[in-house]
C-alpha cells in the first residue's frame, strides 16, 4: 500500500506517494571500450515516488526514483595487474 511522504521537487517541499513496486525486468547495459574491455552497468531502483498534484505538459503524473548502479567489467588478461 502506498504511503504519503514529503520530498523536494523543483526547489520546494511537496507531498508524494511512496509506491510499492514489483521488478518486471532489470537488464544490463553493455559497453565495449577501445582497450577491449566490456563494462556492464545495471540501474537498480530502490524507491518510486509519485509527486502529488504535479503533472507533465502531457498530463502525465510526475514520478521520481531513488536508485543505485551496479557496475562490473570483463577485462582482457593483458590489462590485469598480477597479484600475489
Protein backbone atom coordinates (compact mmCIF):
# COMPACT_ATOMS: atom_id res chain seq x y z
CA UNK A 1 0.00 0.00 0.00
CA UNK A 2 1.36 3.44 -0.91
CA UNK A 3 2.29 5.76 1.93
CA UNK A 4 2.36 9.56 1.94
CA UNK A 5 5.69 11.31 2.32
CA UNK A 6 7.34 14.64 1.58
CA UNK A 7 10.12 15.21 -0.95
CA UNK A 8 11.91 18.04 -2.73
CA UNK A 9 10.68 18.78 -6.27
CA UNK A 10 11.74 21.81 -8.31
CA UNK A 11 13.22 23.51 -5.26
CA UNK A 12 10.27 23.11 -2.91
CA UNK A 13 8.91 20.53 -0.49
CA UNK A 14 5.90 18.66 -1.90
CA UNK A 15 3.63 15.78 -0.96
CA UNK A 16 4.29 12.47 -2.69
CA UNK A 17 3.18 8.85 -2.56
CA UNK A 18 5.86 6.28 -1.78
CA UNK A 19 4.71 3.48 -4.10
CA UNK A 20 5.29 -0.21 -3.59
CA UNK A 21 6.55 -1.87 -6.75
CA UNK A 22 7.48 -5.17 -8.31
CA UNK A 23 10.53 -5.58 -10.55
CA UNK A 24 9.43 -6.73 -14.01
CA UNK A 25 12.83 -6.61 -15.69
CA UNK A 26 16.30 -5.29 -14.79
CA UNK A 27 18.68 -5.68 -17.69
CA UNK A 28 22.35 -4.89 -18.15
CA UNK A 29 23.71 -2.23 -20.50
CA UNK A 30 26.99 -3.34 -22.05
CA UNK A 31 29.71 -1.13 -23.50
CA UNK A 32 32.87 -2.28 -25.29
CA UNK A 33 35.83 0.06 -24.77
CA UNK A 34 38.82 0.76 -27.04
CA UNK A 35 41.04 -1.44 -24.83
CA UNK A 36 38.80 -4.49 -25.39
CA UNK A 37 37.08 -4.43 -22.01
CA UNK A 38 33.33 -4.89 -21.68
CA UNK A 39 31.79 -2.66 -19.00
CA UNK A 40 28.38 -3.74 -17.78
CA UNK A 41 26.04 -1.37 -15.90
CA UNK A 42 22.65 -2.00 -14.32
CA UNK A 43 20.39 0.59 -12.69
CA UNK A 44 18.61 -0.82 -9.63
CA UNK A 45 15.58 1.16 -8.41
CA UNK A 46 15.13 1.25 -4.63
CA UNK A 47 12.23 3.71 -4.29
CA UNK A 48 9.49 5.13 -6.54
CA UNK A 49 7.60 8.29 -5.60
CA UNK A 50 4.64 9.85 -7.41
CA UNK A 51 4.52 13.59 -6.78
CA UNK A 52 1.02 14.68 -5.84
CA UNK A 53 -0.70 17.47 -7.82
CA UNK A 54 2.20 17.77 -10.31
CA UNK A 55 1.85 16.75 -13.95
CA UNK A 56 3.91 16.89 -17.15
CA UNK A 57 2.87 19.05 -20.09
CA UNK A 58 1.14 15.95 -21.49
CA UNK A 59 -0.89 15.49 -18.29
CA UNK A 60 1.09 12.51 -17.00
CA UNK A 61 1.82 12.31 -13.26
CA UNK A 62 5.42 13.03 -12.22
CA UNK A 63 7.43 10.08 -10.87
CA UNK A 64 10.74 10.28 -9.05
CA UNK A 65 13.06 7.37 -8.30
CA UNK A 66 15.94 6.58 -5.99
CA UNK A 67 18.39 4.13 -7.48
CA UNK A 68 21.87 2.70 -7.40
CA UNK A 69 24.20 1.50 -10.14
CA UNK A 70 25.80 -1.92 -10.28
CA UNK A 71 28.98 -1.91 -12.40
CA UNK A 72 31.21 -4.78 -13.45
CA UNK A 73 33.83 -5.28 -16.15
CA UNK A 74 35.10 -8.16 -18.25
CA UNK A 75 38.74 -7.24 -18.84
CA UNK A 76 41.31 -8.83 -21.20
CA UNK A 77 44.03 -10.75 -19.30
CA UNK A 78 46.81 -8.48 -20.61
CA UNK A 79 45.22 -5.48 -18.84
CA UNK A 80 45.04 -7.15 -15.46
CA UNK A 81 47.61 -6.42 -12.76
CA UNK A 82 49.39 -9.51 -11.46
CA UNK A 83 48.52 -10.09 -7.80
CA UNK A 84 50.24 -12.49 -5.40
